[in-house]
Every structure is written in structure tokens, then in C-alpha cells.
Amino acid sequence: GLDPIDSLVELRSAHDGGDTAAGLDAYTGETIDMAEEGVYE
């Protein structure tokens, strides 16, 4: 239920800054470090 464009822009910005583990928290809508959150595949 989030805005896909806003979410994608934030993710691109985080990865441009060198955060390779930046992912989308589907519960809060925030861009967070997925490795720290323990979300692995």
C-alpha cells in the first residue's frame, strides 16, 4: 500500500550512497538496512 515511485527513489538513493543492503520495510515504508534487520535470502 505504499507509493512505488517514492519507495524506489529512496532505495536508489541509498544504494547510490553505497548501502548495498538497503531494502524496503513493507510494514513501515521506510528504507532500512536489511542485514541489520535480519532479512536474508
ModelCIF file with pLDDT and N, C-alpha, C, O atoms, coordinates in Angstrom:
data_MODEL
#
_entry.id   MODEL 
#
_entity.id                         1 
_entity.type                       polymer 
_entity.pdbx_number_of_molecules   1 
#
_entity_poly.entity_id                      1 
_entity_poly.type                           'polypeptide(L)' 
_entity_poly.nstd_linkage                   no 
_entity_poly.nstd_monomer                   no 
_entity_poly.pdbx_seq_one_letter_code       GLDPIDSLVELRSAHDGGDTAAGLDAYTGETIDMAEEGVYE 
_entity_poly.pdbx_seq_one_letter_code_can   GLDPIDSLVELRSAHDGGDTAAGLDAYTGETIDMAEEGVYE 
_entity_poly.pdbx_strand_id                 A 
#
loop_
_entity_poly_seq.entity_id 
_entity_poly_seq.num 
_entity_poly_seq.mon_id 
_entity_poly_seq.hetero 
1 1  GLY n 
1 2  LEU n 
1 3  ASP n 
1 4  PRO n 
1 5  ILE n 
1 6  ASP n 
1 7  SER n 
1 8  LEU n 
1 9  VAL n 
1 10 GLU n 
1 11 LEU n 
1 12 ARG n 
1 13 SER n 
1 14 ALA n 
1 15 HIS n 
1 16 ASP n 
1 17 GLY n 
1 18 GLY n 
1 19 ASP n 
1 20 THR n 
1 21 ALA n 
1 22 ALA n 
1 23 GLY n 
1 24 LEU n 
1 25 ASP n 
1 26 ALA n 
1 27 TYR n 
1 28 THR n 
1 29 GLY n 
1 30 GLU n 
1 31 THR n 
1 32 ILE n 
1 33 ASP n 
1 34 MET n 
1 35 ALA n 
1 36 GLU n 
1 37 GLU n 
1 38 GLY n 
1 39 VAL n 
1 40 TYR n 
1 41 GLU n 
#
_struct_asym.id          A 
_struct_asym.entity_id   1 
#
loop_
_ma_qa_metric.id 
_ma_qa_metric.mode 
_ma_qa_metric.name 
_ma_qa_metric.software_group_id 
_ma_qa_metric.type 
1 global pLDDT . pLDDT 
2 local  pLDDT . pLDDT 
#
_ma_qa_metric_global.metric_id      1 
_ma_qa_metric_global.metric_value   90.56 
_ma_qa_metric_global.model_id       1 
_ma_qa_metric_global.ordinal_id     1 
#
loop_
_ma_qa_metric_local.label_asym_id 
_ma_qa_metric_local.label_comp_id 
_ma_qa_metric_local.label_seq_id 
_ma_qa_metric_local.metric_id 
_ma_qa_metric_local.metric_value 
_ma_qa_metric_local.model_id 
_ma_qa_metric_local.ordinal_id 
A GLY 1  2 90.00 1 1  
A LEU 2  2 90.00 1 2  
A ASP 3  2 92.00 1 3  
A PRO 4  2 91.00 1 4  
A ILE 5  2 93.00 1 5  
A ASP 6  2 92.00 1 6  
A SER 7  2 92.00 1 7  
A LEU 8  2 93.00 1 8  
A VAL 9  2 93.00 1 9  
A GLU 10 2 93.00 1 10 
A LEU 11 2 93.00 1 11 
A ARG 12 2 93.00 1 12 
A SER 13 2 93.00 1 13 
A ALA 14 2 93.00 1 14 
A HIS 15 2 92.00 1 15 
A ASP 16 2 91.00 1 16 
A GLY 17 2 90.00 1 17 
A GLY 18 2 88.00 1 18 
A ASP 19 2 90.00 1 19 
A THR 20 2 89.00 1 20 
A ALA 21 2 90.00 1 21 
A ALA 22 2 91.00 1 22 
A GLY 23 2 91.00 1 23 
A LEU 24 2 91.00 1 24 
A ASP 25 2 89.00 1 25 
A ALA 26 2 88.00 1 26 
A TYR 27 2 88.00 1 27 
A THR 28 2 89.00 1 28 
A GLY 29 2 88.00 1 29 
A GLU 30 2 90.00 1 30 
A THR 31 2 91.00 1 31 
A ILE 32 2 91.00 1 32 
A ASP 33 2 91.00 1 33 
A MET 34 2 89.00 1 34 
A ALA 35 2 89.00 1 35 
A GLU 36 2 89.00 1 36 
A GLU 37 2 89.00 1 37 
A GLY 38 2 88.00 1 38 
A VAL 39 2 89.00 1 39 
A TYR 40 2 90.00 1 40 
A GLU 41 2 91.00 1 41 
#
loop_
_atom_site.group_PDB 
_atom_site.id 
_atom_site.type_symbol 
_atom_site.label_atom_id 
_atom_site.label_alt_id 
_atom_site.label_comp_id 
_atom_site.label_asym_id 
_atom_site.label_entity_id 
_atom_site.label_seq_id 
_atom_site.pdbx_PDB_ins_code 
_atom_site.Cartn_x 
_atom_site.Cartn_y 
_atom_site.Cartn_z 
_atom_site.occupancy 
_atom_site.B_iso_or_equiv 
_atom_site.pdbx_formal_charge 
_atom_site.auth_seq_id 
_atom_site.auth_comp_id 
_atom_site.auth_asym_id 
_atom_site.auth_atom_id 
_atom_site.pdbx_PDB_model_num 
ATOM 1   N N  . GLY A 1 1  ? 0.803  -1.222  0.000  1.00 90.00 ? 1  GLY A N  1 
ATOM 2   C CA . GLY A 1 1  ? 0.000  0.000   0.000  1.00 90.00 ? 1  GLY A CA 1 
ATOM 3   C C  . GLY A 1 1  ? 0.829  1.262   0.000  1.00 90.00 ? 1  GLY A C  1 
ATOM 4   O O  . GLY A 1 1  ? 0.342  2.322   0.393  1.00 90.00 ? 1  GLY A O  1 
ATOM 5   N N  . LEU A 1 2  ? 2.093  1.169   -0.441 1.00 90.00 ? 2  LEU A N  1 
ATOM 6   C CA . LEU A 1 2  ? 2.991  2.321   -0.457 1.00 90.00 ? 2  LEU A CA 1 
ATOM 7   C C  . LEU A 1 2  ? 3.092  2.882   -1.872 1.00 90.00 ? 2  LEU A C  1 
ATOM 8   O O  . LEU A 1 2  ? 2.680  2.237   -2.836 1.00 90.00 ? 2  LEU A O  1 
ATOM 9   N N  . ASP A 1 3  ? 3.639  4.081   -1.986 1.00 92.00 ? 3  ASP A N  1 
ATOM 10  C CA . ASP A 1 3  ? 3.855  4.671   -3.299 1.00 92.00 ? 3  ASP A CA 1 
ATOM 11  C C  . ASP A 1 3  ? 5.106  4.058   -3.904 1.00 92.00 ? 3  ASP A C  1 
ATOM 12  O O  . ASP A 1 3  ? 6.197  4.272   -3.376 1.00 92.00 ? 3  ASP A O  1 
ATOM 13  N N  . PRO A 1 4  ? 4.992  3.297   -5.004 1.00 91.00 ? 4  PRO A N  1 
ATOM 14  C CA . PRO A 1 4  ? 6.155  2.603   -5.557 1.00 91.00 ? 4  PRO A CA 1 
ATOM 15  C C  . PRO A 1 4  ? 7.238  3.538   -6.076 1.00 91.00 ? 4  PRO A C  1 
ATOM 16  O O  . PRO A 1 4  ? 8.423  3.210   -6.010 1.00 91.00 ? 4  PRO A O  1 
ATOM 17  N N  . ILE A 1 5  ? 6.841  4.704   -6.593 1.00 93.00 ? 5  ILE A N  1 
ATOM 18  C CA . ILE A 1 5  ? 7.835  5.635   -7.130 1.00 93.00 ? 5  ILE A CA 1 
ATOM 19  C C  . ILE A 1 5  ? 8.672  6.230   -6.003 1.00 93.00 ? 5  ILE A C  1 
ATOM 20  O O  . ILE A 1 5  ? 9.899  6.268   -6.090 1.00 93.00 ? 5  ILE A O  1 
ATOM 21  N N  . ASP A 1 6  ? 8.005  6.695   -4.941 1.00 92.00 ? 6  ASP A N  1 
ATOM 22  C CA . ASP A 1 6  ? 8.744  7.269   -3.807 1.00 92.00 ? 6  ASP A CA 1 
ATOM 23  C C  . ASP A 1 6  ? 9.667  6.227   -3.185 1.00 92.00 ? 6  ASP A C  1 
ATOM 24  O O  . ASP A 1 6  ? 10.817 6.524   -2.857 1.00 92.00 ? 6  ASP A O  1 
ATOM 25  N N  . SER A 1 7  ? 9.161  5.010   -3.024 1.00 92.00 ? 7  SER A N  1 
ATOM 26  C CA . SER A 1 7  ? 9.962  3.949   -2.414 1.00 92.00 ? 7  SER A CA 1 
ATOM 27  C C  . SER A 1 7  ? 11.185 3.633   -3.267 1.00 92.00 ? 7  SER A C  1 
ATOM 28  O O  . SER A 1 7  ? 12.282 3.442   -2.743 1.00 92.00 ? 7  SER A O  1 
ATOM 29  N N  . LEU A 1 8  ? 10.994 3.578   -4.578 1.00 93.00 ? 8  LEU A N  1 
ATOM 30  C CA . LEU A 1 8  ? 12.096 3.242   -5.482 1.00 93.00 ? 8  LEU A CA 1 
ATOM 31  C C  . LEU A 1 8  ? 13.143 4.349   -5.504 1.00 93.00 ? 8  LEU A C  1 
ATOM 32  O O  . LEU A 1 8  ? 14.341 4.073   -5.562 1.00 93.00 ? 8  LEU A O  1 
ATOM 33  N N  . VAL A 1 9  ? 12.696 5.593   -5.459 1.00 93.00 ? 9  VAL A N  1 
ATOM 34  C CA . VAL A 1 9  ? 13.641 6.725   -5.439 1.00 93.00 ? 9  VAL A CA 1 
ATOM 35  C C  . VAL A 1 9  ? 14.502 6.668   -4.181 1.00 93.00 ? 9  VAL A C  1 
ATOM 36  O O  . VAL A 1 9  ? 15.716 6.858   -4.245 1.00 93.00 ? 9  VAL A O  1 
ATOM 37  N N  . GLU A 1 10 ? 13.875 6.408   -3.045 1.00 93.00 ? 10 GLU A N  1 
ATOM 38  C CA . GLU A 1 10 ? 14.633 6.315   -1.789 1.00 93.00 ? 10 GLU A CA 1 
ATOM 39  C C  . GLU A 1 10 ? 15.624 5.163   -1.822 1.00 93.00 ? 10 GLU A C  1 
ATOM 40  O O  . GLU A 1 10 ? 16.758 5.307   -1.365 1.00 93.00 ? 10 GLU A O  1 
ATOM 41  N N  . LEU A 1 11 ? 15.207 4.015   -2.362 1.00 93.00 ? 11 LEU A N  1 
ATOM 42  C CA . LEU A 1 11 ? 16.105 2.872   -2.442 1.00 93.00 ? 11 LEU A CA 1 
ATOM 43  C C  . LEU A 1 11 ? 17.292 3.163   -3.354 1.00 93.00 ? 11 LEU A C  1 
ATOM 44  O O  . LEU A 1 11 ? 18.431 2.841   -3.017 1.00 93.00 ? 11 LEU A O  1 
ATOM 45  N N  . ARG A 1 12 ? 17.029 3.770   -4.504 1.00 93.00 ? 12 ARG A N  1 
ATOM 46  C CA . ARG A 1 12 ? 18.128 4.102   -5.413 1.00 93.00 ? 12 ARG A CA 1 
ATOM 47  C C  . ARG A 1 12 ? 19.111 5.055   -4.751 1.00 93.00 ? 12 ARG A C  1 
ATOM 48  O O  . ARG A 1 12 ? 20.326 4.912   -4.891 1.00 93.00 ? 12 ARG A O  1 
ATOM 49  N N  . SER A 1 13 ? 18.573 6.023   -4.035 1.00 93.00 ? 13 SER A N  1 
ATOM 50  C CA . SER A 1 13 ? 19.432 6.999   -3.358 1.00 93.00 ? 13 SER A CA 1 
ATOM 51  C C  . SER A 1 13 ? 20.325 6.320   -2.331 1.00 93.00 ? 13 SER A C  1 
ATOM 52  O O  . SER A 1 13 ? 21.515 6.620   -2.242 1.00 93.00 ? 13 SER A O  1 
ATOM 53  N N  . ALA A 1 14 ? 19.746 5.398   -1.551 1.00 93.00 ? 14 ALA A N  1 
ATOM 54  C CA . ALA A 1 14 ? 20.533 4.685   -0.528 1.00 93.00 ? 14 ALA A CA 1 
ATOM 55  C C  . ALA A 1 14 ? 21.629 3.846   -1.172 1.00 93.00 ? 14 ALA A C  1 
ATOM 56  O O  . ALA A 1 14 ? 22.752 3.807   -0.670 1.00 93.00 ? 14 ALA A O  1 
ATOM 57  N N  . HIS A 1 15 ? 21.319 3.179   -2.270 1.00 92.00 ? 15 HIS A N  1 
ATOM 58  C CA . HIS A 1 15 ? 22.307 2.333   -2.936 1.00 92.00 ? 15 HIS A CA 1 
ATOM 59  C C  . HIS A 1 15 ? 23.369 3.168   -3.655 1.00 92.00 ? 15 HIS A C  1 
ATOM 60  O O  . HIS A 1 15 ? 24.528 2.762   -3.741 1.00 92.00 ? 15 HIS A O  1 
ATOM 61  N N  . ASP A 1 16 ? 22.975 4.323   -4.163 1.00 91.00 ? 16 ASP A N  1 
ATOM 62  C CA . ASP A 1 16 ? 23.961 5.237   -4.748 1.00 91.00 ? 16 ASP A CA 1 
ATOM 63  C C  . ASP A 1 16 ? 24.968 5.682   -3.693 1.00 91.00 ? 16 ASP A C  1 
ATOM 64  O O  . ASP A 1 16 ? 26.133 5.945   -3.992 1.00 91.00 ? 16 ASP A O  1 
ATOM 65  N N  . GLY A 1 17 ? 24.492 5.759   -2.452 1.00 90.00 ? 17 GLY A N  1 
ATOM 66  C CA . GLY A 1 17 ? 25.366 6.155   -1.347 1.00 90.00 ? 17 GLY A CA 1 
ATOM 67  C C  . GLY A 1 17 ? 26.224 5.035   -0.817 1.00 90.00 ? 17 GLY A C  1 
ATOM 68  O O  . GLY A 1 17 ? 26.994 5.238   0.122  1.00 90.00 ? 17 GLY A O  1 
ATOM 69  N N  . GLY A 1 18 ? 26.107 3.836   -1.408 1.00 88.00 ? 18 GLY A N  1 
ATOM 70  C CA . GLY A 1 18 ? 26.969 2.720   -1.019 1.00 88.00 ? 18 GLY A CA 1 
ATOM 71  C C  . GLY A 1 18 ? 26.344 1.725   -0.066 1.00 88.00 ? 18 GLY A C  1 
ATOM 72  O O  . GLY A 1 18 ? 27.019 0.789   0.362  1.00 88.00 ? 18 GLY A O  1 
ATOM 73  N N  . ASP A 1 19 ? 25.064 1.895   0.285  1.00 90.00 ? 19 ASP A N  1 
ATOM 74  C CA . ASP A 1 19 ? 24.393 0.955   1.204  1.00 90.00 ? 19 ASP A CA 1 
ATOM 75  C C  . ASP A 1 19 ? 23.809 -0.197  0.385  1.00 90.00 ? 19 ASP A C  1 
ATOM 76  O O  . ASP A 1 19 ? 22.667 -0.130  -0.072 1.00 90.00 ? 19 ASP A O  1 
ATOM 77  N N  . THR A 1 20 ? 24.600 -1.246  0.207  1.00 89.00 ? 20 THR A N  1 
ATOM 78  C CA . THR A 1 20 ? 24.178 -2.362  -0.660 1.00 89.00 ? 20 THR A CA 1 
ATOM 79  C C  . THR A 1 20 ? 23.056 -3.194  -0.057 1.00 89.00 ? 20 THR A C  1 
ATOM 80  O O  . THR A 1 20 ? 22.403 -3.958  -0.768 1.00 89.00 ? 20 THR A O  1 
ATOM 81  N N  . ALA A 1 21 ? 22.824 -3.058  1.243  1.00 90.00 ? 21 ALA A N  1 
ATOM 82  C CA . ALA A 1 21 ? 21.796 -3.863  1.907  1.00 90.00 ? 21 ALA A CA 1 
ATOM 83  C C  . ALA A 1 21 ? 20.518 -3.076  2.167  1.00 90.00 ? 21 ALA A C  1 
ATOM 84  O O  . ALA A 1 21 ? 19.649 -3.538  2.907  1.00 90.00 ? 21 ALA A O  1 
ATOM 85  N N  . ALA A 1 22 ? 20.393 -1.903  1.575  1.00 91.00 ? 22 ALA A N  1 
ATOM 86  C CA . ALA A 1 22 ? 19.201 -1.072  1.795  1.00 91.00 ? 22 ALA A CA 1 
ATOM 87  C C  . ALA A 1 22 ? 18.003 -1.696  1.098  1.00 91.00 ? 22 ALA A C  1 
ATOM 88  O O  . ALA A 1 22 ? 18.017 -1.941  -0.108 1.00 91.00 ? 22 ALA A O  1 
ATOM 89  N N  . GLY A 1 23 ? 16.976 -1.945  1.883  1.00 91.00 ? 23 GLY A N  1 
ATOM 90  C CA . GLY A 1 23 ? 15.766 -2.553  1.342  1.00 91.00 ? 23 GLY A CA 1 
ATOM 91  C C  . GLY A 1 23 ? 14.529 -1.868  1.874  1.00 91.00 ? 23 GLY A C  1 
ATOM 92  O O  . GLY A 1 23 ? 14.619 -0.962  2.702  1.00 91.00 ? 23 GLY A O  1 
ATOM 93  N N  . LEU A 1 24 ? 13.380 -2.298  1.402  1.00 91.00 ? 24 LEU A N  1 
ATOM 94  C CA . LEU A 1 24 ? 12.119 -1.667  1.782  1.00 91.00 ? 24 LEU A CA 1 
ATOM 95  C C  . LEU A 1 24 ? 11.464 -2.421  2.932  1.00 91.00 ? 24 LEU A C  1 
ATOM 96  O O  . LEU A 1 24 ? 11.227 -3.625  2.836  1.00 91.00 ? 24 LEU A O  1 
ATOM 97  N N  . ASP A 1 25 ? 11.173 -1.712  4.016  1.00 89.00 ? 25 ASP A N  1 
ATOM 98  C CA . ASP A 1 25 ? 10.407 -2.280  5.121  1.00 89.00 ? 25 ASP A CA 1 
ATOM 99  C C  . ASP A 1 25 ? 8.930  -2.157  4.762  1.00 89.00 ? 25 ASP A C  1 
ATOM 100 O O  . ASP A 1 25 ? 8.366  -1.063  4.788  1.00 89.00 ? 25 ASP A O  1 
ATOM 101 N N  . ALA A 1 26 ? 8.312  -3.281  4.429  1.00 88.00 ? 26 ALA A N  1 
ATOM 102 C CA . ALA A 1 26 ? 6.925  -3.256  3.959  1.00 88.00 ? 26 ALA A CA 1 
ATOM 103 C C  . ALA A 1 26 ? 5.951  -2.837  5.058  1.00 88.00 ? 26 ALA A C  1 
ATOM 104 O O  . ALA A 1 26 ? 4.822  -2.446  4.763  1.00 88.00 ? 26 ALA A O  1 
ATOM 105 N N  . TYR A 1 27 ? 6.370  -2.913  6.312  1.00 88.00 ? 27 TYR A N  1 
ATOM 106 C CA . TYR A 1 27 ? 5.465  -2.584  7.422  1.00 88.00 ? 27 TYR A CA 1 
ATOM 107 C C  . TYR A 1 27 ? 5.456  -1.089  7.728  1.00 88.00 ? 27 TYR A C  1 
ATOM 108 O O  . TYR A 1 27 ? 4.420  -0.523  8.077  1.00 88.00 ? 27 TYR A O  1 
ATOM 109 N N  . THR A 1 28 ? 6.633  -0.451  7.591  1.00 89.00 ? 28 THR A N  1 
ATOM 110 C CA . THR A 1 28 ? 6.714  0.976   7.921  1.00 89.00 ? 28 THR A CA 1 
ATOM 111 C C  . THR A 1 28 ? 6.865  1.854   6.681  1.00 89.00 ? 28 THR A C  1 
ATOM 112 O O  . THR A 1 28 ? 6.608  3.056   6.735  1.00 89.00 ? 28 THR A O  1 
ATOM 113 N N  . GLY A 1 29 ? 7.278  1.257   5.571  1.00 88.00 ? 29 GLY A N  1 
ATOM 114 C CA . GLY A 1 29 ? 7.503  2.028   4.362  1.00 88.00 ? 29 GLY A CA 1 
ATOM 115 C C  . GLY A 1 29 ? 8.859  2.700   4.308  1.00 88.00 ? 29 GLY A C  1 
ATOM 116 O O  . GLY A 1 29 ? 9.160  3.422   3.358  1.00 88.00 ? 29 GLY A O  1 
ATOM 117 N N  . GLU A 1 30 ? 9.682  2.469   5.325  1.00 90.00 ? 30 GLU A N  1 
ATOM 118 C CA . GLU A 1 30 ? 10.996 3.107   5.381  1.00 90.00 ? 30 GLU A CA 1 
ATOM 119 C C  . GLU A 1 30 ? 12.044 2.272   4.660  1.00 90.00 ? 30 GLU A C  1 
ATOM 120 O O  . GLU A 1 30 ? 11.872 1.069   4.469  1.00 90.00 ? 30 GLU A O  1 
ATOM 121 N N  . THR A 1 31 ? 13.128 2.925   4.265  1.00 91.00 ? 31 THR A N  1 
ATOM 122 C CA . THR A 1 31 ? 14.276 2.238   3.685  1.00 91.00 ? 31 THR A CA 1 
ATOM 123 C C  . THR A 1 31 ? 15.248 1.923   4.818  1.00 91.00 ? 31 THR A C  1 
ATOM 124 O O  . THR A 1 31 ? 15.764 2.834   5.466  1.00 91.00 ? 31 THR A O  1 
ATOM 125 N N  . ILE A 1 32 ? 15.498 0.642   5.056  1.00 91.00 ? 32 ILE A N  1 
ATOM 126 C CA . ILE A 1 32 ? 16.335 0.234   6.187  1.00 91.00 ? 32 ILE A CA 1 
ATOM 127 C C  . ILE A 1 32 ? 17.404 -0.744  5.715  1.00 91.00 ? 32 ILE A C  1 
ATOM 128 O O  . ILE A 1 32 ? 17.348 -1.261  4.599  1.00 91.00 ? 32 ILE A O  1 
ATOM 129 N N  . ASP A 1 33 ? 18.379 -0.985  6.592  1.00 91.00 ? 33 ASP A N  1 
ATOM 130 C CA . ASP A 1 33 ? 19.428 -1.956  6.305  1.00 91.00 ? 33 ASP A CA 1 
ATOM 131 C C  . ASP A 1 33 ? 18.880 -3.357  6.591  1.00 91.00 ? 33 ASP A C  1 
ATOM 132 O O  . ASP A 1 33 ? 18.668 -3.719  7.749  1.00 91.00 ? 33 ASP A O  1 
ATOM 133 N N  . MET A 1 34 ? 18.654 -4.131  5.547  1.00 89.00 ? 34 MET A N  1 
ATOM 134 C CA . MET A 1 34 ? 18.032 -5.444  5.707  1.00 89.00 ? 34 MET A CA 1 
ATOM 135 C C  . MET A 1 34 ? 18.941 -6.438  6.429  1.00 89.00 ? 34 MET A C  1 
ATOM 136 O O  . MET A 1 34 ? 18.446 -7.343  7.101  1.00 89.00 ? 34 MET A O  1 
ATOM 137 N N  . ALA A 1 35 ? 20.250 -6.287  6.304  1.00 89.00 ? 35 ALA A N  1 
ATOM 138 C CA . ALA A 1 35 ? 21.169 -7.179  7.006  1.00 89.00 ? 35 ALA A CA 1 
ATOM 139 C C  . ALA A 1 35 ? 21.051 -6.973  8.511  1.00 89.00 ? 35 ALA A C  1 
ATOM 140 O O  . ALA A 1 35 ? 21.045 -7.935  9.279  1.00 89.00 ? 35 ALA A O  1 
ATOM 141 N N  . GLU A 1 36 ? 20.956 -5.708  8.925  1.00 89.00 ? 36 GLU A N  1 
ATOM 142 C CA . GLU A 1 36 ? 20.790 -5.428  10.363 1.00 89.00 ? 36 GLU A CA 1 
ATOM 143 C C  . GLU A 1 36 ? 19.433 -5.910  10.857 1.00 89.00 ? 36 GLU A C  1 
ATOM 144 O O  . GLU A 1 36 ? 19.290 -6.328  12.006 1.00 89.00 ? 36 GLU A O  1 
ATOM 145 N N  . GLU A 1 37 ? 18.451 -5.847  9.984  1.00 89.00 ? 37 GLU A N  1 
ATOM 146 C CA . GLU A 1 37 ? 17.097 -6.280  10.362 1.00 89.00 ? 37 GLU A CA 1 
ATOM 147 C C  . GLU A 1 37 ? 16.969 -7.802  10.371 1.00 89.00 ? 37 GLU A C  1 
ATOM 148 O O  . GLU A 1 37 ? 15.999 -8.345  10.899 1.00 89.00 ? 37 GLU A O  1 
ATOM 149 N N  . GLY A 1 38 ? 17.949 -8.484  9.787  1.00 88.00 ? 38 GLY A N  1 
ATOM 150 C CA . GLY A 1 38 ? 17.914 -9.945  9.769  1.00 88.00 ? 38 GLY A CA 1 
ATOM 151 C C  . GLY A 1 38 ? 17.049 -10.529 8.667  1.00 88.00 ? 38 GLY A C  1 
ATOM 152 O O  . GLY A 1 38 ? 16.526 -11.634 8.807  1.00 88.00 ? 38 GLY A O  1 
ATOM 153 N N  . VAL A 1 39 ? 16.893 -9.788  7.558  1.00 89.00 ? 39 VAL A N  1 
ATOM 154 C CA . VAL A 1 39 ? 16.119 -10.290 6.417  1.00 89.00 ? 39 VAL A CA 1 
ATOM 155 C C  . VAL A 1 39 ? 17.112 -10.780 5.367  1.00 89.00 ? 39 VAL A C  1 
ATOM 156 O O  . VAL A 1 39 ? 17.737 -9.983  4.666  1.00 89.00 ? 39 VAL A O  1 
ATOM 157 N N  . TYR A 1 40 ? 17.248 -12.094 5.270  1.00 90.00 ? 40 TYR A N  1 
ATOM 158 C CA . TYR A 1 40 ? 18.233 -12.693 4.359  1.00 90.00 ? 40 TYR A CA 1 
ATOM 159 C C  . TYR A 1 40 ? 17.555 -13.695 3.427  1.00 90.00 ? 40 TYR A C  1 
ATOM 160 O O  . TYR A 1 40 ? 16.528 -14.288 3.754  1.00 90.00 ? 40 TYR A O  1 
ATOM 161 N N  . GLU A 1 41 ? 18.160 -13.861 2.270  1.00 91.00 ? 41 GLU A N  1 
ATOM 162 C CA . GLU A 1 41 ? 17.760 -14.910 1.336  1.00 91.00 ? 41 GLU A CA 1 
ATOM 163 C C  . GLU A 1 41 ? 19.024 -15.579 0.804  1.00 91.00 ? 41 GLU A C  1 
ATOM 164 O O  . GLU A 1 41 ? 18.939 -16.501 -0.006 1.00 91.00 ? 41 GLU A O  1 
#
